[in-house]
Amino acid sequence: MKKTLVSALTTALVVGAASTTFAASNPFSDVPADHWAYDAVSQLAADGVIEGYGDSTFQGDKNITRYEMAQMVAKAMAKKDVSAADKAMIDKLAAEFADELNNLGVRVANLEKHADNVKMTGELRYTYMSTRKEGEHRDNDETLQFRLYPTAEVNDHWQVKARFTGKFDPSKDSGKDGNVKLSFAFAEGDYNNFNVKLGKQYLYSTADDGLIFDDFFSGAQVNFGNQLKTTLEAGRVSTAFATDTDAAANYQGIELNYGLNKFRAGAAYRHFNSDAFKTAFAKYKDNGTSDDANVWSLGAGYKFDKNVDLFAAYANNTEADNYKTAYNVTLTYKGADKVNAGTWGAHIGYHYLGGNVAFCPTYDTAMSNTKGFEYELEYTPFAHTWANFAYFQGKQLDNDRDAKLIWGRMSYFF
């Protein structure tokens, strides 16, 4: 059955075009001001329910198909704040054009997915850090960083993720001290309990909750399992291992992580190979040299309730002779949610960070070859903001002198 476009204007009731006031102007040259449908046509055009033809005509006497009518009904259904009478009209029209709307829905869903296959999120963060080691000059550092995270949908299972980072020192502000770089980019395939990542990606030592590493590596990662998850990794790591003769360390790792209810535990082995262990790492071997690191780590945690969590981890580099152990015990209370204003959290932790095993730990006040307590407070003053303050007080492992660090950050997420 076909109808004329003018007769289809009964959908005006659906979108409120039959209300008492019409402020919209008529965009169509073939609908004069004295036409009975003038007000309805004007309001429907303003509401985006009808669009007319490319030559600025409405062609109200033209026959339309059920599919075209369904398009108008679909647009009307998307409108909000309709009256009860209009809602009843929507339901009747939806029932009449159910098949067409179903087909239209598939087309619209596919179009929207294609249009939104690249999404952007980001963060602007300011960080202040003051390092105070006894016997050394105080080091104050400020950093303003802009991060942009694009995520692209490839298909139902694969995504491409990346991060662009812009960074400069606001204390200089010369216009020449900033830099922008691609921090990471990788493809990720997710198949229920099997996940694979290829490219430059996160390297986080989950088993020990970041005691060993929180940075990036270039290579491949495979995850599989449910309550007991296995992670296999292989590639190259540049941070902390770059030398004049070796730009990055070869890396292979395996992790086992178990989590059930309130208890979680993990174990991992990681192997690194780099010339940096011969030259850049303090007292790595007492006799001879080695370009290998064999790192074992264990971690376990227990969540007493929704607010209190206790976690401990230990790591050892069996290849090194000195500064080869690291451990951490942290008690956490609550936690700030960056979306919900007014949320907060705090933790206290004891860190022992041997520099030949804790290569790039996750702690905000982490200093190589130190031991001591870290106190941290986080707060969300407004939605999508996050403030954090941390303080470390301890000793240097090589000389037992005092080591202190003050750290603060303010982040804005979008």
Protein backbone atom coordinates (compact mmCIF):
# COMPACT_ATOMS: atom_id res chain seq x y z
CA MET A 1 0.00 0.00 0.00
CA LYS A 2 1.26 3.45 -0.91
CA LYS A 3 0.41 6.84 0.54
CA THR A 4 1.20 10.37 -0.46
CA LEU A 5 3.74 12.24 1.58
CA VAL A 6 1.16 14.80 2.67
CA SER A 7 -1.13 12.10 4.03
CA ALA A 8 1.83 10.73 5.93
CA LEU A 9 1.88 13.94 7.93
CA THR A 10 -0.35 12.27 10.46
CA THR A 11 2.99 11.43 12.10
CA ALA A 12 3.03 15.06 13.14
CA LEU A 13 0.94 13.95 16.09
CA VAL A 14 3.75 11.63 17.07
CA VAL A 15 6.38 14.32 17.26
CA GLY A 16 4.21 17.09 18.58
CA ALA A 17 3.91 18.98 15.34
CA ALA A 18 0.17 19.33 15.97
CA SER A 19 0.81 21.46 19.05
CA THR A 20 -0.49 24.98 19.29
CA THR A 21 2.70 26.85 18.40
CA PHE A 22 5.01 26.53 15.40
CA ALA A 23 8.08 28.72 15.37
CA ALA A 24 9.99 26.87 12.67
CA SER A 25 10.31 28.33 9.18
CA ASN A 26 9.39 26.29 6.12
CA PRO A 27 12.42 25.23 4.05
CA PHE A 28 10.43 23.91 1.04
CA SER A 29 9.59 26.09 -1.96
CA ASP A 30 6.53 24.02 -3.02
CA VAL A 31 4.66 24.34 0.31
CA PRO A 32 3.04 27.82 0.41
CA ALA A 33 2.19 29.52 3.69
CA ASP A 34 -1.56 29.03 3.15
CA HIS A 35 -1.26 25.26 2.61
CA TRP A 36 -3.13 23.20 5.22
CA ALA A 37 0.05 21.25 6.03
CA TYR A 38 2.37 24.27 6.22
CA ASP A 39 2.79 24.25 10.02
CA ALA A 40 3.24 20.49 10.24
CA VAL A 41 5.78 20.41 7.40
CA SER A 42 7.77 23.25 8.95
CA GLN A 43 7.91 21.67 12.38
CA LEU A 44 8.73 18.19 11.08
CA ALA A 45 11.59 19.63 9.03
CA ALA A 46 12.89 21.54 12.05
CA ASP A 47 12.73 18.35 14.14
CA GLY A 48 14.69 16.39 11.54
CA VAL A 49 11.89 13.91 10.88
CA ILE A 50 11.58 14.86 7.20
CA GLU A 51 14.26 16.20 4.88
CA GLY A 52 12.61 16.66 1.49
CA TYR A 53 14.59 16.45 -1.70
CA GLY A 54 17.88 17.95 -2.71
CA ASP A 55 16.26 20.69 -4.83
CA SER A 56 14.55 22.30 -1.77
CA THR A 57 11.16 20.78 -2.67
CA PHE A 58 8.85 18.70 -0.52
CA GLN A 59 6.85 17.00 -3.36
CA GLY A 60 3.88 16.28 -1.10
CA ASP A 61 1.85 14.56 -3.85
CA LYS A 62 4.58 12.01 -4.53
CA ASN A 63 3.81 8.41 -3.56
CA ILE A 64 6.03 7.02 -0.82
CA THR A 65 6.91 3.47 0.06
CA ARG A 66 6.34 1.75 3.37
CA TYR A 67 10.08 1.87 3.90
CA GLU A 68 10.14 5.68 3.53
CA MET A 69 7.26 5.93 5.97
CA ALA A 70 9.13 3.70 8.39
CA GLN A 71 12.08 6.06 8.25
CA MET A 72 9.88 8.90 9.47
CA VAL A 73 8.41 6.71 12.19
CA ALA A 74 11.91 5.73 13.33
CA LYS A 75 12.95 9.36 13.63
CA ALA A 76 9.74 10.14 15.52
CA MET A 77 10.40 7.25 17.91
CA ALA A 78 13.75 8.78 18.80
CA LYS A 79 12.15 11.97 20.11
CA LYS A 80 11.82 12.45 23.86
CA ASP A 81 9.20 14.05 26.13
CA VAL A 82 6.18 13.05 24.02
CA SER A 83 2.67 13.02 25.44
CA ALA A 84 0.76 9.86 26.35
CA ALA A 85 -1.44 10.27 23.26
CA ASP A 86 1.61 10.64 21.02
CA LYS A 87 3.24 7.63 22.67
CA ALA A 88 0.15 5.58 21.83
CA MET A 89 0.41 6.74 18.20
CA ILE A 90 4.09 5.74 18.18
CA ASP A 91 3.21 2.24 19.36
CA LYS A 92 0.53 1.81 16.67
CA LEU A 93 2.81 3.03 13.90
CA ALA A 94 5.68 0.85 15.17
CA ALA A 95 3.40 -2.20 15.05
CA GLU A 96 2.23 -1.34 11.54
CA PHE A 97 5.77 -0.90 10.19
CA ALA A 98 7.50 -3.52 12.37
CA ASP A 99 9.22 -5.33 9.49
CA GLU A 100 10.45 -2.13 7.86
CA LEU A 101 11.65 -0.75 11.21
CA ASN A 102 13.51 -3.96 11.89
CA ASN A 103 15.33 -3.68 8.57
CA LEU A 104 15.93 0.01 9.16
CA GLY A 105 17.34 -0.73 12.60
CA VAL A 106 19.89 -3.11 11.13
CA ARG A 107 20.98 -0.53 8.59
CA VAL A 108 21.18 2.25 11.18
CA ALA A 109 23.12 0.06 13.62
CA ASN A 110 25.65 -0.85 10.94
CA LEU A 111 25.99 2.78 9.88
CA GLU A 112 26.48 3.97 13.47
CA LYS A 113 29.07 1.29 14.13
CA HIS A 114 30.99 2.34 11.04
CA ALA A 115 30.70 6.03 11.93
CA ASP A 116 31.92 5.44 15.48
CA ASN A 117 34.62 2.88 14.78
CA VAL A 118 37.25 5.33 15.97
CA LYS A 119 36.80 6.75 19.47
CA MET A 120 38.97 9.20 21.36
CA THR A 121 39.57 9.62 25.07
CA GLY A 122 42.24 11.65 26.75
CA GLU A 123 43.87 13.11 29.82
CA LEU A 124 45.62 16.33 30.80
CA ARG A 125 47.88 15.83 33.82
CA TYR A 126 50.19 18.04 35.84
CA THR A 127 52.80 16.32 38.03
CA TYR A 128 55.17 17.76 40.63
CA MET A 129 58.00 15.76 42.20
CA SER A 130 60.69 16.74 44.69
CA THR A 131 63.47 14.18 45.36
CA ARG A 132 65.53 14.68 48.50
CA LYS A 133 68.45 12.33 49.13
CA GLU A 134 70.86 13.03 51.97
CA GLY A 135 74.22 14.07 50.62
CA GLU A 136 72.80 15.00 47.20
CA HIS A 137 71.34 18.14 45.70
CA ARG A 138 67.53 18.41 45.92
CA ASP A 139 65.87 17.68 42.58
CA ASN A 140 62.53 19.35 41.79
CA ASP A 141 60.65 18.43 38.64
CA GLU A 142 57.41 19.61 36.99
CA THR A 143 55.71 17.98 34.03
CA LEU A 144 52.61 18.90 32.04
CA GLN A 145 51.44 16.02 29.89
CA PHE A 146 48.63 15.65 27.36
CA ARG A 147 47.54 12.13 26.45
CA LEU A 148 45.23 11.14 23.61
CA TYR A 149 43.92 7.57 23.33
CA PRO A 150 42.40 6.56 19.95
CA THR A 151 40.62 3.19 19.76
CA ALA A 152 39.55 1.80 16.38
CA GLU A 153 37.12 -1.07 15.87
CA VAL A 154 38.36 -3.44 13.15
CA ASN A 155 35.65 -6.09 13.46
CA ASP A 156 33.72 -7.95 16.17
CA HIS A 157 36.91 -9.35 17.71
CA TRP A 158 39.76 -6.96 16.87
CA GLN A 159 40.61 -3.42 17.94
CA VAL A 160 43.58 -1.13 17.37
CA LYS A 161 44.63 0.98 20.35
CA ALA A 162 47.24 3.72 20.70
CA ARG A 163 48.40 6.64 22.80
CA PHE A 164 49.86 9.96 21.70
CA THR A 165 51.71 11.83 24.43
CA GLY A 166 52.68 15.49 24.49
CA LYS A 167 55.03 16.49 27.31
CA PHE A 168 56.90 19.60 28.41
CA ASP A 169 58.37 21.30 31.46
CA PRO A 170 56.14 24.27 32.48
CA SER A 171 58.98 25.81 34.52
CA LYS A 172 60.84 26.55 31.28
CA ASP A 173 57.94 27.31 28.91
CA SER A 174 60.31 28.35 26.13
CA GLY A 175 58.20 26.85 23.38
CA LYS A 176 61.07 24.53 22.45
CA ASP A 177 61.05 22.08 25.34
CA GLY A 178 57.97 20.04 24.50
CA ASN A 179 57.72 16.84 22.51
CA VAL A 180 54.92 14.71 21.09
CA LYS A 181 55.38 11.01 20.48
CA LEU A 182 53.49 7.81 19.85
CA SER A 183 53.83 6.03 23.19
CA PHE A 184 52.28 2.76 22.06
CA ALA A 185 50.16 1.21 19.31
CA PHE A 186 48.92 -2.36 19.16
CA ALA A 187 46.20 -4.60 17.73
CA GLU A 188 44.12 -6.59 20.21
CA GLY A 189 42.01 -9.66 19.45
CA ASP A 190 39.51 -10.82 22.06
CA TYR A 191 37.87 -14.26 21.86
CA ASN A 192 36.10 -14.88 25.19
CA ASN A 193 38.80 -16.43 27.41
CA PHE A 194 41.54 -15.96 24.82
CA ASN A 195 43.19 -12.59 24.13
CA VAL A 196 46.14 -11.64 21.93
CA LYS A 197 47.98 -8.31 21.53
CA LEU A 198 50.50 -7.45 18.82
CA GLY A 199 52.62 -4.30 18.71
CA LYS A 200 54.02 -1.84 21.25
CA GLN A 201 51.91 -2.33 24.36
CA TYR A 202 51.75 -2.24 28.14
CA LEU A 203 54.18 -4.33 30.15
CA TYR A 204 52.79 -4.61 33.66
CA SER A 205 53.94 -7.29 36.08
CA THR A 206 50.47 -8.28 37.27
CA ALA A 207 51.58 -11.13 39.51
CA ASP A 208 53.49 -8.73 41.78
CA ASP A 209 51.18 -5.75 41.07
CA GLY A 210 53.82 -3.65 39.35
CA LEU A 211 56.74 -4.32 41.69
CA ILE A 212 58.98 -5.24 38.73
CA PHE A 213 57.61 -3.37 35.75
CA ASP A 214 55.03 -0.79 34.67
CA ASP A 215 55.95 0.45 31.20
CA PHE A 216 55.88 -0.81 27.59
CA PHE A 217 57.39 -3.45 25.34
CA SER A 218 57.24 -4.17 21.62
CA GLY A 219 56.16 -7.67 20.74
CA ALA A 220 53.35 -10.13 21.38
CA GLN A 221 51.23 -11.04 24.39
CA VAL A 222 48.79 -13.96 24.71
CA ASN A 223 46.31 -14.38 27.58
CA PHE A 224 44.08 -17.38 28.14
CA GLY A 225 42.10 -18.90 30.99
CA ASN A 226 39.36 -17.80 33.33
CA GLN A 227 39.92 -18.02 37.10
CA LEU A 228 43.49 -19.18 36.42
CA LYS A 229 44.88 -16.91 33.71
CA THR A 230 48.11 -17.58 31.84
CA THR A 231 50.04 -14.76 30.16
CA LEU A 232 52.86 -15.32 27.64
CA GLU A 233 54.97 -12.39 26.40
CA ALA A 234 57.95 -11.92 24.10
CA GLY A 235 59.57 -8.90 22.47
CA ARG A 236 61.91 -5.98 23.15
CA VAL A 237 62.01 -3.53 26.08
CA SER A 238 63.84 -0.21 25.75
CA THR A 239 63.10 1.65 29.01
CA ALA A 240 65.85 1.21 31.63
CA PHE A 241 67.91 -1.02 29.34
CA ALA A 242 69.06 1.28 26.52
CA THR A 243 72.82 1.67 26.09
CA ASP A 244 75.12 2.97 23.36
CA THR A 245 75.59 -0.56 22.04
CA ASP A 246 72.15 -2.05 22.73
CA ALA A 247 68.98 -0.03 22.15
CA ALA A 248 66.67 -2.46 23.96
CA ALA A 249 66.60 -5.70 25.91
CA ASN A 250 65.31 -8.96 24.53
CA TYR A 251 62.43 -10.11 26.70
CA GLN A 252 60.39 -13.25 27.38
CA GLY A 253 57.93 -13.74 30.21
CA ILE A 254 55.25 -16.04 31.62
CA GLU A 255 52.70 -15.27 34.33
CA LEU A 256 50.06 -17.28 36.18
CA ASN A 257 47.36 -15.31 37.99
CA TYR A 258 44.54 -16.74 40.05
CA GLY A 259 41.57 -14.84 41.43
CA LEU A 260 38.49 -16.14 43.22
CA ASN A 261 36.17 -14.16 45.48
CA LYS A 262 38.30 -12.10 47.90
CA PHE A 263 41.64 -13.85 47.34
CA ARG A 264 44.10 -13.41 44.47
CA ALA A 265 47.61 -14.69 43.84
CA GLY A 266 50.18 -14.71 41.06
CA ALA A 267 53.57 -16.07 40.07
CA ALA A 268 55.82 -15.02 37.17
CA TYR A 269 59.17 -15.57 35.50
CA ARG A 270 60.79 -12.99 33.22
CA HIS A 271 64.03 -13.12 31.29
CA PHE A 272 65.84 -10.02 29.98
CA ASN A 273 69.01 -9.89 27.90
CA SER A 274 70.88 -6.59 27.48
CA ASP A 275 74.40 -5.13 27.55
CA ALA A 276 73.04 -2.69 30.13
CA PHE A 277 73.55 -5.30 32.87
CA LYS A 278 77.31 -5.16 32.18
CA THR A 279 77.65 -1.39 32.35
CA ALA A 280 74.62 0.53 33.63
CA PHE A 281 73.44 -1.49 36.64
CA ALA A 282 75.21 -0.93 39.96
CA LYS A 283 77.33 -3.84 41.25
CA TYR A 284 75.41 -6.30 39.09
CA LYS A 285 78.04 -9.07 39.42
CA ASP A 286 80.83 -9.39 41.98
CA ASN A 287 83.05 -11.41 39.66
CA GLY A 288 82.74 -11.36 35.90
CA THR A 289 79.88 -9.94 33.87
CA SER A 290 76.48 -11.02 32.62
CA ASP A 291 74.03 -9.64 30.11
CA ASP A 292 71.07 -11.64 31.49
CA ALA A 293 68.43 -11.09 34.15
CA ASN A 294 66.29 -13.96 35.42
CA VAL A 295 63.51 -12.54 37.55
CA TRP A 296 61.04 -14.52 39.64
CA SER A 297 58.14 -12.84 41.42
CA LEU A 298 55.24 -13.83 43.66
CA GLY A 299 52.26 -11.86 44.89
CA ALA A 300 49.10 -12.40 46.91
CA GLY A 301 46.25 -10.21 48.08
CA TYR A 302 43.08 -10.38 50.11
CA LYS A 303 40.11 -8.01 49.99
CA PHE A 304 38.52 -8.01 53.45
CA ASP A 305 35.47 -6.01 52.32
CA LYS A 306 34.60 -3.36 49.74
CA ASN A 307 36.95 -0.87 51.42
CA VAL A 308 40.00 -2.69 52.78
CA ASP A 309 42.60 -4.56 50.67
CA LEU A 310 45.97 -6.03 51.65
CA PHE A 311 48.61 -7.05 49.08
CA ALA A 312 52.19 -8.31 49.34
CA ALA A 313 54.77 -9.22 46.68
CA TYR A 314 58.36 -10.46 46.46
CA ALA A 315 60.81 -10.61 43.53
CA ASN A 316 64.35 -11.89 43.00
CA ASN A 317 66.84 -11.67 40.14
CA THR A 318 68.81 -14.92 40.40
CA GLU A 319 71.46 -13.66 37.95
CA ALA A 320 72.48 -10.57 39.97
CA ASP A 321 74.73 -10.62 43.02
CA ASN A 322 73.66 -7.30 44.58
CA TYR A 323 70.44 -5.31 44.93
CA LYS A 324 68.72 -8.39 43.58
CA THR A 325 65.62 -8.52 45.80
CA ALA A 326 62.51 -6.40 46.03
CA TYR A 327 59.34 -6.63 48.07
CA ASN A 328 56.28 -4.60 48.90
CA VAL A 329 53.40 -4.71 51.39
CA THR A 330 50.48 -2.32 50.83
CA LEU A 331 47.28 -1.71 52.79
CA THR A 332 44.62 0.16 50.78
CA TYR A 333 41.44 1.81 52.03
CA LYS A 334 38.68 2.69 49.58
CA GLY A 335 39.75 4.40 46.34
CA ALA A 336 38.95 7.49 44.28
CA ASP A 337 36.67 6.97 41.28
CA LYS A 338 37.49 9.56 38.61
CA VAL A 339 33.83 9.65 37.49
CA ASN A 340 32.22 10.18 40.91
CA ALA A 341 32.98 13.47 42.66
CA GLY A 342 33.71 13.24 46.35
CA THR A 343 35.20 9.73 46.30
CA TRP A 344 38.59 9.21 47.91
CA GLY A 345 41.10 6.61 48.95
CA ALA A 346 44.33 6.15 50.86
CA HIS A 347 47.08 3.60 51.24
CA ILE A 348 50.26 2.95 53.17
CA GLY A 349 52.98 0.71 51.77
CA TYR A 350 56.45 -0.48 52.62
CA HIS A 351 58.77 -0.77 49.60
CA TYR A 352 62.17 -2.43 49.34
CA LEU A 353 63.37 -1.75 45.79
CA GLY A 354 66.63 -3.40 44.79
CA GLY A 355 67.68 -1.65 41.60
CA ASN A 356 68.76 -4.85 39.84
CA VAL A 357 65.29 -6.39 39.98
CA ALA A 358 62.72 -3.58 40.41
CA PHE A 359 63.53 -2.18 36.97
CA CYS A 360 60.53 0.12 36.51
CA PRO A 361 58.09 -0.24 39.45
CA THR A 362 54.64 1.28 39.42
CA TYR A 363 54.83 3.24 42.67
CA ASP A 364 54.50 7.01 42.40
CA THR A 365 57.45 7.67 44.73
CA ALA A 366 59.61 4.78 43.54
CA MET A 367 63.36 5.38 43.78
CA SER A 368 65.86 2.72 42.79
CA ASN A 369 67.83 1.14 45.63
CA THR A 370 65.73 2.54 48.46
CA LYS A 371 63.59 1.14 51.26
CA GLY A 372 60.89 2.83 53.28
CA PHE A 373 57.25 3.80 53.67
CA GLU A 374 55.00 5.41 51.07
CA TYR A 375 51.87 7.29 52.19
CA GLU A 376 49.32 8.22 49.53
CA LEU A 377 45.97 10.02 49.39
CA GLU A 378 43.73 10.36 46.32
CA TYR A 379 40.57 12.40 45.82
CA THR A 380 38.06 13.21 43.06
CA PRO A 381 37.01 16.86 43.60
CA PHE A 382 34.84 16.95 40.46
CA ALA A 383 33.60 14.38 37.97
CA HIS A 384 36.36 13.24 35.59
CA THR A 385 39.10 14.79 37.69
CA TRP A 386 41.61 13.14 40.01
CA ALA A 387 44.02 14.58 42.57
CA ASN A 388 46.78 12.55 44.17
CA PHE A 389 49.43 13.24 46.81
CA ALA A 390 52.18 10.86 47.94
CA TYR A 391 55.12 11.01 50.31
CA PHE A 392 58.02 8.58 50.71
CA GLN A 393 60.40 8.45 53.64
CA GLY A 394 63.12 5.86 53.91
CA LYS A 395 66.78 4.98 53.40
CA GLN A 396 69.17 4.48 50.49
CA LEU A 397 70.29 0.86 50.25
CA ASP A 398 73.91 1.56 49.31
CA ASN A 399 74.77 4.00 52.13
CA ASP A 400 71.83 3.97 54.60
CA ARG A 401 71.34 7.72 54.16
CA ASP A 402 67.91 9.34 54.26
CA ALA A 403 65.76 9.35 51.14
CA LYS A 404 62.57 11.39 50.81
CA LEU A 405 60.26 12.19 47.92
CA ILE A 406 57.20 14.45 47.67
CA TRP A 407 54.88 13.78 44.74
CA GLY A 408 51.59 15.30 43.54
CA ARG A 409 49.37 15.07 40.47
CA MET A 410 46.19 16.63 39.11
CA SER A 411 44.49 14.91 36.16
CA TYR A 412 41.55 15.88 33.95
CA PHE A 413 39.92 13.13 31.88
CA PHE A 414 37.76 13.51 28.78
